[in-house]
N, C-alpha and C. Protein backbone atom coordinates (compact mmCIF):
# COMPACT_ATOMS: atom_id res chain seq x y z
N MET A 1 -26.31 40.07 8.83
CA MET A 1 -25.14 40.24 8.00
C MET A 1 -25.42 39.75 6.58
N ALA A 2 -24.98 40.50 5.64
CA ALA A 2 -25.11 40.09 4.25
C ALA A 2 -23.97 39.13 3.91
N LYS A 3 -24.18 38.28 2.91
CA LYS A 3 -23.14 37.33 2.52
C LYS A 3 -21.84 38.02 2.17
N ASP A 4 -21.91 39.27 1.67
CA ASP A 4 -20.71 40.01 1.31
C ASP A 4 -19.87 40.40 2.52
N ASP A 5 -20.47 40.34 3.73
CA ASP A 5 -19.75 40.70 4.94
C ASP A 5 -18.90 39.55 5.48
N PHE A 6 -18.98 38.37 4.87
CA PHE A 6 -18.25 37.20 5.32
C PHE A 6 -16.94 37.06 4.56
N THR A 7 -15.91 36.57 5.28
CA THR A 7 -14.66 36.20 4.63
C THR A 7 -14.90 34.97 3.76
N ALA A 8 -15.71 34.04 4.29
CA ALA A 8 -16.06 32.82 3.56
C ALA A 8 -17.44 32.36 4.00
N PHE A 9 -18.11 31.63 3.12
CA PHE A 9 -19.44 31.09 3.40
C PHE A 9 -19.49 29.68 2.83
N LEU A 10 -19.72 28.70 3.71
CA LEU A 10 -19.86 27.31 3.26
C LEU A 10 -21.34 26.97 3.36
N GLY A 11 -22.02 26.90 2.23
CA GLY A 11 -23.46 26.76 2.21
C GLY A 11 -23.98 25.35 2.38
N SER A 12 -25.28 25.26 2.61
CA SER A 12 -25.93 23.96 2.79
C SER A 12 -25.78 23.13 1.52
N GLY A 13 -25.79 21.82 1.71
CA GLY A 13 -25.62 20.92 0.57
C GLY A 13 -24.16 20.58 0.31
N THR A 14 -23.25 21.18 1.07
CA THR A 14 -21.83 20.86 0.91
C THR A 14 -21.34 20.14 2.16
N GLU A 15 -20.21 19.46 2.01
CA GLU A 15 -19.58 18.79 3.14
C GLU A 15 -18.09 19.08 3.07
N TYR A 16 -17.51 19.39 4.21
CA TYR A 16 -16.09 19.75 4.25
C TYR A 16 -15.43 18.95 5.36
N GLN A 17 -14.21 18.47 5.08
CA GLN A 17 -13.45 17.74 6.08
C GLN A 17 -12.02 18.24 6.06
N GLY A 18 -11.50 18.61 7.24
CA GLY A 18 -10.11 19.07 7.31
C GLY A 18 -9.93 20.20 8.28
N GLN A 19 -8.98 21.09 7.96
CA GLN A 19 -8.58 22.20 8.81
C GLN A 19 -8.99 23.51 8.13
N LEU A 20 -9.63 24.41 8.88
CA LEU A 20 -10.00 25.72 8.35
C LEU A 20 -9.37 26.78 9.24
N ASN A 21 -8.54 27.63 8.64
CA ASN A 21 -7.94 28.78 9.32
C ASN A 21 -8.42 30.02 8.58
N PHE A 22 -8.85 31.03 9.32
CA PHE A 22 -9.34 32.23 8.65
C PHE A 22 -9.17 33.47 9.50
N LYS A 23 -9.30 34.62 8.85
CA LYS A 23 -9.37 35.92 9.50
C LYS A 23 -10.72 36.50 9.12
N GLY A 24 -11.30 37.32 9.99
CA GLY A 24 -12.59 37.93 9.68
C GLY A 24 -13.74 37.10 10.20
N THR A 25 -14.79 36.97 9.38
CA THR A 25 -16.01 36.26 9.77
C THR A 25 -16.32 35.17 8.75
N VAL A 26 -16.57 33.96 9.26
CA VAL A 26 -16.94 32.84 8.39
C VAL A 26 -18.28 32.28 8.88
N ARG A 27 -19.15 31.98 7.93
CA ARG A 27 -20.43 31.34 8.24
C ARG A 27 -20.44 29.96 7.61
N ILE A 28 -20.86 28.96 8.40
CA ILE A 28 -20.94 27.59 7.93
C ILE A 28 -22.39 27.12 8.05
N ASP A 29 -22.93 26.61 6.96
CA ASP A 29 -24.29 26.06 6.94
C ASP A 29 -24.27 24.64 6.39
N CYS A 30 -23.16 23.95 6.56
CA CYS A 30 -23.01 22.61 5.99
C CYS A 30 -22.48 21.66 7.05
N ARG A 31 -22.18 20.44 6.64
CA ARG A 31 -21.53 19.49 7.53
C ARG A 31 -20.03 19.74 7.43
N PHE A 32 -19.39 19.94 8.59
CA PHE A 32 -17.96 20.22 8.65
C PHE A 32 -17.35 19.30 9.70
N ILE A 33 -16.36 18.51 9.28
CA ILE A 33 -15.65 17.63 10.21
C ILE A 33 -14.19 18.06 10.21
N GLY A 34 -13.70 18.48 11.38
CA GLY A 34 -12.32 18.90 11.45
C GLY A 34 -12.11 19.99 12.48
N ASN A 35 -11.05 20.76 12.29
CA ASN A 35 -10.67 21.80 13.24
C ASN A 35 -10.75 23.17 12.59
N ILE A 36 -11.17 24.14 13.38
CA ILE A 36 -11.29 25.52 12.91
C ILE A 36 -10.54 26.41 13.89
N THR A 37 -9.66 27.27 13.36
CA THR A 37 -8.93 28.22 14.19
C THR A 37 -8.98 29.61 13.58
N SER A 38 -9.18 30.62 14.44
CA SER A 38 -9.24 31.99 13.95
C SER A 38 -9.23 32.97 15.11
N ASP A 39 -8.77 34.19 14.82
CA ASP A 39 -8.93 35.27 15.78
C ASP A 39 -10.17 36.08 15.42
N GLY A 40 -11.03 35.50 14.59
CA GLY A 40 -12.25 36.16 14.14
C GLY A 40 -13.50 35.51 14.69
N LYS A 41 -14.57 35.67 13.93
CA LYS A 41 -15.91 35.23 14.35
C LYS A 41 -16.37 34.07 13.48
N LEU A 42 -16.84 33.00 14.13
CA LEU A 42 -17.41 31.85 13.44
C LEU A 42 -18.90 31.80 13.71
N ILE A 43 -19.68 31.72 12.63
CA ILE A 43 -21.14 31.61 12.74
C ILE A 43 -21.55 30.25 12.18
N LEU A 44 -22.21 29.46 13.02
CA LEU A 44 -22.76 28.18 12.57
C LEU A 44 -24.25 28.39 12.33
N GLY A 45 -24.67 28.30 11.06
CA GLY A 45 -26.06 28.49 10.70
C GLY A 45 -26.94 27.34 11.16
N LYS A 46 -28.25 27.47 10.96
CA LYS A 46 -29.22 26.46 11.42
C LYS A 46 -28.95 25.07 10.86
N GLU A 47 -28.42 24.98 9.65
CA GLU A 47 -28.18 23.69 9.01
C GLU A 47 -26.78 23.16 9.29
N ALA A 48 -25.97 23.88 10.04
CA ALA A 48 -24.59 23.47 10.30
C ALA A 48 -24.53 22.26 11.22
N LEU A 49 -23.66 21.32 10.85
CA LEU A 49 -23.33 20.16 11.68
C LEU A 49 -21.81 20.12 11.76
N LEU A 50 -21.25 20.60 12.85
CA LEU A 50 -19.81 20.68 13.00
C LEU A 50 -19.34 19.67 14.03
N GLU A 51 -18.37 18.83 13.62
CA GLU A 51 -17.74 17.86 14.52
C GLU A 51 -16.26 18.16 14.54
N GLY A 52 -15.73 18.54 15.72
CA GLY A 52 -14.31 18.82 15.79
C GLY A 52 -13.97 19.79 16.90
N THR A 53 -12.85 20.48 16.72
CA THR A 53 -12.37 21.45 17.69
C THR A 53 -12.36 22.83 17.07
N VAL A 54 -12.93 23.78 17.80
CA VAL A 54 -13.04 25.16 17.35
C VAL A 54 -12.27 26.05 18.32
N THR A 55 -11.38 26.89 17.79
CA THR A 55 -10.66 27.87 18.59
C THR A 55 -10.81 29.21 17.88
N VAL A 56 -11.68 30.08 18.42
CA VAL A 56 -12.01 31.34 17.77
C VAL A 56 -12.16 32.46 18.79
N LYS A 57 -12.22 33.69 18.29
CA LYS A 57 -12.45 34.83 19.17
C LYS A 57 -13.91 34.88 19.60
N GLU A 58 -14.82 34.71 18.64
CA GLU A 58 -16.25 34.77 18.93
C GLU A 58 -16.96 33.63 18.20
N LEU A 59 -17.93 33.02 18.88
CA LEU A 59 -18.67 31.89 18.32
C LEU A 59 -20.17 32.17 18.43
N VAL A 60 -20.87 32.02 17.30
CA VAL A 60 -22.32 32.18 17.27
C VAL A 60 -22.89 30.87 16.71
N VAL A 61 -23.77 30.21 17.49
CA VAL A 61 -24.28 28.91 17.08
C VAL A 61 -25.80 28.95 16.92
N HIS A 62 -26.25 28.58 15.72
CA HIS A 62 -27.67 28.36 15.43
C HIS A 62 -27.91 26.88 15.19
N GLY A 63 -26.85 26.14 14.83
CA GLY A 63 -26.94 24.73 14.45
C GLY A 63 -26.38 23.81 15.51
N THR A 64 -25.61 22.80 15.07
CA THR A 64 -25.11 21.76 15.96
C THR A 64 -23.58 21.74 15.98
N LEU A 65 -23.02 21.70 17.18
CA LEU A 65 -21.57 21.60 17.38
C LEU A 65 -21.30 20.45 18.33
N THR A 66 -20.48 19.50 17.87
CA THR A 66 -20.07 18.37 18.70
C THR A 66 -18.56 18.37 18.78
N GLY A 67 -18.03 18.47 20.00
CA GLY A 67 -16.59 18.49 20.17
C GLY A 67 -16.17 19.48 21.22
N GLU A 68 -15.12 20.26 20.91
CA GLU A 68 -14.59 21.23 21.84
C GLU A 68 -14.60 22.61 21.20
N ALA A 69 -14.97 23.62 21.98
CA ALA A 69 -14.93 25.00 21.52
C ALA A 69 -14.21 25.85 22.55
N PHE A 70 -13.16 26.52 22.11
CA PHE A 70 -12.39 27.43 22.95
C PHE A 70 -12.59 28.83 22.39
N VAL A 71 -13.29 29.67 23.14
CA VAL A 71 -13.71 30.98 22.64
C VAL A 71 -13.05 32.06 23.50
N ALA A 72 -12.34 32.99 22.86
CA ALA A 72 -11.59 34.01 23.59
C ALA A 72 -12.46 35.15 24.12
N SER A 73 -13.55 35.47 23.42
CA SER A 73 -14.37 36.62 23.78
C SER A 73 -15.74 36.21 24.34
N ARG A 74 -16.61 35.70 23.46
CA ARG A 74 -17.94 35.28 23.91
C ARG A 74 -18.53 34.25 22.97
N ALA A 75 -19.41 33.42 23.53
CA ALA A 75 -20.16 32.43 22.76
C ALA A 75 -21.63 32.78 22.87
N ILE A 76 -22.33 32.69 21.73
CA ILE A 76 -23.77 32.96 21.70
C ILE A 76 -24.46 31.72 21.15
N LEU A 77 -25.35 31.13 21.97
CA LEU A 77 -26.12 29.97 21.55
C LEU A 77 -27.56 30.41 21.33
N HIS A 78 -27.98 30.39 20.08
CA HIS A 78 -29.34 30.80 19.74
C HIS A 78 -30.33 29.67 20.00
N GLN A 79 -31.59 29.96 19.84
CA GLN A 79 -32.70 29.08 20.20
C GLN A 79 -32.54 27.64 19.72
N ASN A 80 -32.10 27.42 18.50
CA ASN A 80 -31.99 26.07 17.93
C ASN A 80 -30.62 25.43 18.12
N ALA A 81 -29.72 26.10 18.82
CA ALA A 81 -28.35 25.59 18.98
C ALA A 81 -28.32 24.31 19.81
N LYS A 82 -27.43 23.40 19.39
CA LYS A 82 -27.17 22.17 20.13
C LYS A 82 -25.66 22.01 20.22
N VAL A 83 -25.13 22.09 21.44
CA VAL A 83 -23.69 21.96 21.66
C VAL A 83 -23.46 20.77 22.58
N SER A 84 -22.65 19.81 22.12
CA SER A 84 -22.30 18.63 22.91
C SER A 84 -20.79 18.56 23.01
N GLY A 85 -20.27 18.51 24.24
CA GLY A 85 -18.83 18.44 24.43
C GLY A 85 -18.37 19.47 25.43
N THR A 86 -17.28 20.15 25.13
CA THR A 86 -16.71 21.15 26.02
C THR A 86 -16.82 22.52 25.39
N LEU A 87 -17.37 23.46 26.14
CA LEU A 87 -17.44 24.86 25.72
C LEU A 87 -16.71 25.69 26.76
N SER A 88 -15.63 26.35 26.34
CA SER A 88 -14.85 27.20 27.21
C SER A 88 -14.91 28.62 26.68
N SER A 89 -15.50 29.53 27.47
CA SER A 89 -15.68 30.91 27.05
C SER A 89 -15.82 31.80 28.28
N PRO A 90 -15.20 32.98 28.26
CA PRO A 90 -15.35 33.87 29.40
C PRO A 90 -16.77 34.42 29.53
N ALA A 91 -17.52 34.45 28.44
CA ALA A 91 -18.89 34.96 28.46
C ALA A 91 -19.78 34.07 27.59
N LEU A 92 -21.01 33.85 28.06
CA LEU A 92 -21.96 33.00 27.34
C LEU A 92 -23.32 33.66 27.33
N ILE A 93 -23.90 33.76 26.13
CA ILE A 93 -25.26 34.22 25.96
C ILE A 93 -26.03 33.03 25.40
N MET A 94 -27.09 32.63 26.08
CA MET A 94 -27.82 31.42 25.71
C MET A 94 -29.32 31.71 25.68
N GLU A 95 -29.92 31.57 24.50
CA GLU A 95 -31.35 31.78 24.36
C GLU A 95 -32.13 30.57 24.87
N GLU A 96 -33.36 30.82 25.28
CA GLU A 96 -34.25 29.74 25.68
C GLU A 96 -34.42 28.77 24.51
N GLY A 97 -34.28 27.49 24.80
CA GLY A 97 -34.40 26.47 23.76
C GLY A 97 -33.07 25.92 23.31
N ALA A 98 -31.98 26.66 23.56
CA ALA A 98 -30.64 26.16 23.21
C ALA A 98 -30.28 25.01 24.14
N LEU A 99 -29.49 24.07 23.62
CA LEU A 99 -29.10 22.89 24.39
C LEU A 99 -27.59 22.84 24.53
N LEU A 100 -27.11 22.67 25.75
CA LEU A 100 -25.68 22.54 26.03
C LEU A 100 -25.50 21.30 26.89
N GLN A 101 -24.86 20.27 26.32
CA GLN A 101 -24.59 19.03 27.05
C GLN A 101 -23.09 18.84 27.11
N GLY A 102 -22.57 18.72 28.33
CA GLY A 102 -21.14 18.52 28.48
C GLY A 102 -20.56 19.44 29.51
N GLN A 103 -19.34 19.90 29.27
CA GLN A 103 -18.62 20.72 30.23
C GLN A 103 -18.61 22.17 29.78
N LEU A 104 -18.90 23.06 30.72
CA LEU A 104 -18.85 24.50 30.48
C LEU A 104 -17.78 25.08 31.38
N ILE A 105 -16.81 25.78 30.78
CA ILE A 105 -15.73 26.44 31.52
C ILE A 105 -15.86 27.93 31.26
N MET A 106 -16.00 28.70 32.34
CA MET A 106 -16.18 30.15 32.20
C MET A 106 -15.28 30.90 33.16
N GLY A 107 -15.31 32.21 33.08
CA GLY A 107 -14.59 33.07 34.00
C GLY A 107 -13.18 33.38 33.54
N GLN A 108 -12.37 33.85 34.49
CA GLN A 108 -11.00 34.28 34.19
C GLN A 108 -10.12 33.16 33.66
N GLU A 109 -10.30 31.95 34.19
CA GLU A 109 -9.50 30.81 33.71
C GLU A 109 -9.77 30.56 32.23
N ALA A 110 -11.04 30.58 31.86
CA ALA A 110 -11.40 30.38 30.45
C ALA A 110 -10.82 31.49 29.59
N ALA A 111 -10.92 32.74 30.07
CA ALA A 111 -10.40 33.87 29.31
C ALA A 111 -8.90 33.73 29.05
N ARG A 112 -8.14 33.41 30.09
CA ARG A 112 -6.68 33.26 29.94
C ARG A 112 -6.33 32.11 29.00
N ASN A 113 -6.93 30.95 29.25
CA ASN A 113 -6.63 29.78 28.43
C ASN A 113 -7.01 29.99 26.97
N ASN A 114 -8.18 30.55 26.73
CA ASN A 114 -8.67 30.71 25.37
C ASN A 114 -7.93 31.79 24.61
N GLN A 115 -7.53 32.86 25.28
CA GLN A 115 -6.74 33.90 24.61
C GLN A 115 -5.39 33.34 24.19
N ALA A 116 -4.78 32.51 25.05
CA ALA A 116 -3.51 31.88 24.70
C ALA A 116 -3.69 30.91 23.54
N ALA A 117 -4.77 30.12 23.58
CA ALA A 117 -5.04 29.16 22.50
C ALA A 117 -5.31 29.88 21.20
N THR A 118 -6.06 30.98 21.26
CA THR A 118 -6.36 31.76 20.06
C THR A 118 -5.09 32.38 19.48
N ALA A 119 -4.24 32.93 20.36
CA ALA A 119 -2.98 33.53 19.90
C ALA A 119 -2.10 32.49 19.21
N LEU A 120 -2.03 31.29 19.78
CA LEU A 120 -1.26 30.22 19.17
C LEU A 120 -1.86 29.82 17.82
N ALA A 121 -3.18 29.70 17.77
CA ALA A 121 -3.85 29.33 16.52
C ALA A 121 -3.61 30.38 15.44
N VAL A 122 -3.66 31.64 15.82
CA VAL A 122 -3.43 32.73 14.85
C VAL A 122 -1.99 32.68 14.35
N ALA A 123 -1.04 32.45 15.25
CA ALA A 123 0.36 32.37 14.83
C ALA A 123 0.56 31.22 13.84
N GLN A 124 -0.07 30.08 14.12
CA GLN A 124 0.03 28.94 13.21
C GLN A 124 -0.63 29.25 11.87
N THR A 125 -1.76 29.94 11.91
CA THR A 125 -2.47 30.32 10.68
C THR A 125 -1.61 31.26 9.85
N GLU A 126 -1.03 32.27 10.49
CA GLU A 126 -0.19 33.22 9.76
C GLU A 126 1.03 32.53 9.17
N HIS A 127 1.61 31.60 9.90
CA HIS A 127 2.76 30.85 9.38
C HIS A 127 2.35 30.03 8.15
N SER A 128 1.21 29.34 8.25
CA SER A 128 0.72 28.54 7.12
C SER A 128 0.44 29.41 5.91
N MET A 129 -0.18 30.58 6.13
CA MET A 129 -0.51 31.48 5.02
C MET A 129 0.75 32.06 4.40
N SER A 130 1.77 32.35 5.22
CA SER A 130 3.01 32.88 4.66
C SER A 130 3.72 31.82 3.82
N LEU A 131 3.62 30.55 4.23
CA LEU A 131 4.19 29.47 3.42
C LEU A 131 3.44 29.32 2.10
N LEU A 132 2.12 29.45 2.16
CA LEU A 132 1.33 29.37 0.93
C LEU A 132 1.66 30.53 0.00
N ASP A 133 1.81 31.73 0.57
CA ASP A 133 2.17 32.89 -0.24
C ASP A 133 3.51 32.71 -0.90
N ALA A 134 4.42 32.01 -0.21
CA ALA A 134 5.76 31.77 -0.75
C ALA A 134 5.80 30.58 -1.71
N GLY A 135 4.66 29.88 -1.83
CA GLY A 135 4.59 28.76 -2.74
C GLY A 135 5.15 27.47 -2.17
N VAL A 136 5.25 27.38 -0.86
CA VAL A 136 5.78 26.19 -0.20
C VAL A 136 4.62 25.32 0.24
N LYS A 137 4.68 24.04 -0.11
CA LYS A 137 3.66 23.10 0.34
C LYS A 137 4.04 22.55 1.70
N GLN A 138 3.02 22.35 2.55
CA GLN A 138 3.27 21.76 3.87
C GLN A 138 3.14 20.28 3.81
């Protein structure tokens, strides 16, 4: 994917702390501490260090994720991926060399729970964005 194909790109050398809500595809190559919610795709690059809770439709990991990930569609852990904590996804693709330490939840239960969590996250994101569009501070 070219950088132009991303909704947002947080590059190496930066650090972010807080809440990220987005639509589309976001790539993170930095240190990120906080929560991420989306009905889109999150890509963690090789230099990514994410600590927090992720609720997304699709998750692609090349870097490090510590915390909880609730994925509605599928999670892909590439060769250098390191995931510590809870990963809940109806489908998992894991390359040789990827590391997963913690709890893995898969199957129909994961699909139902994660779709509900994603729908709730999207509703909250849309509400927040509509307030921002209206000029209301939260």
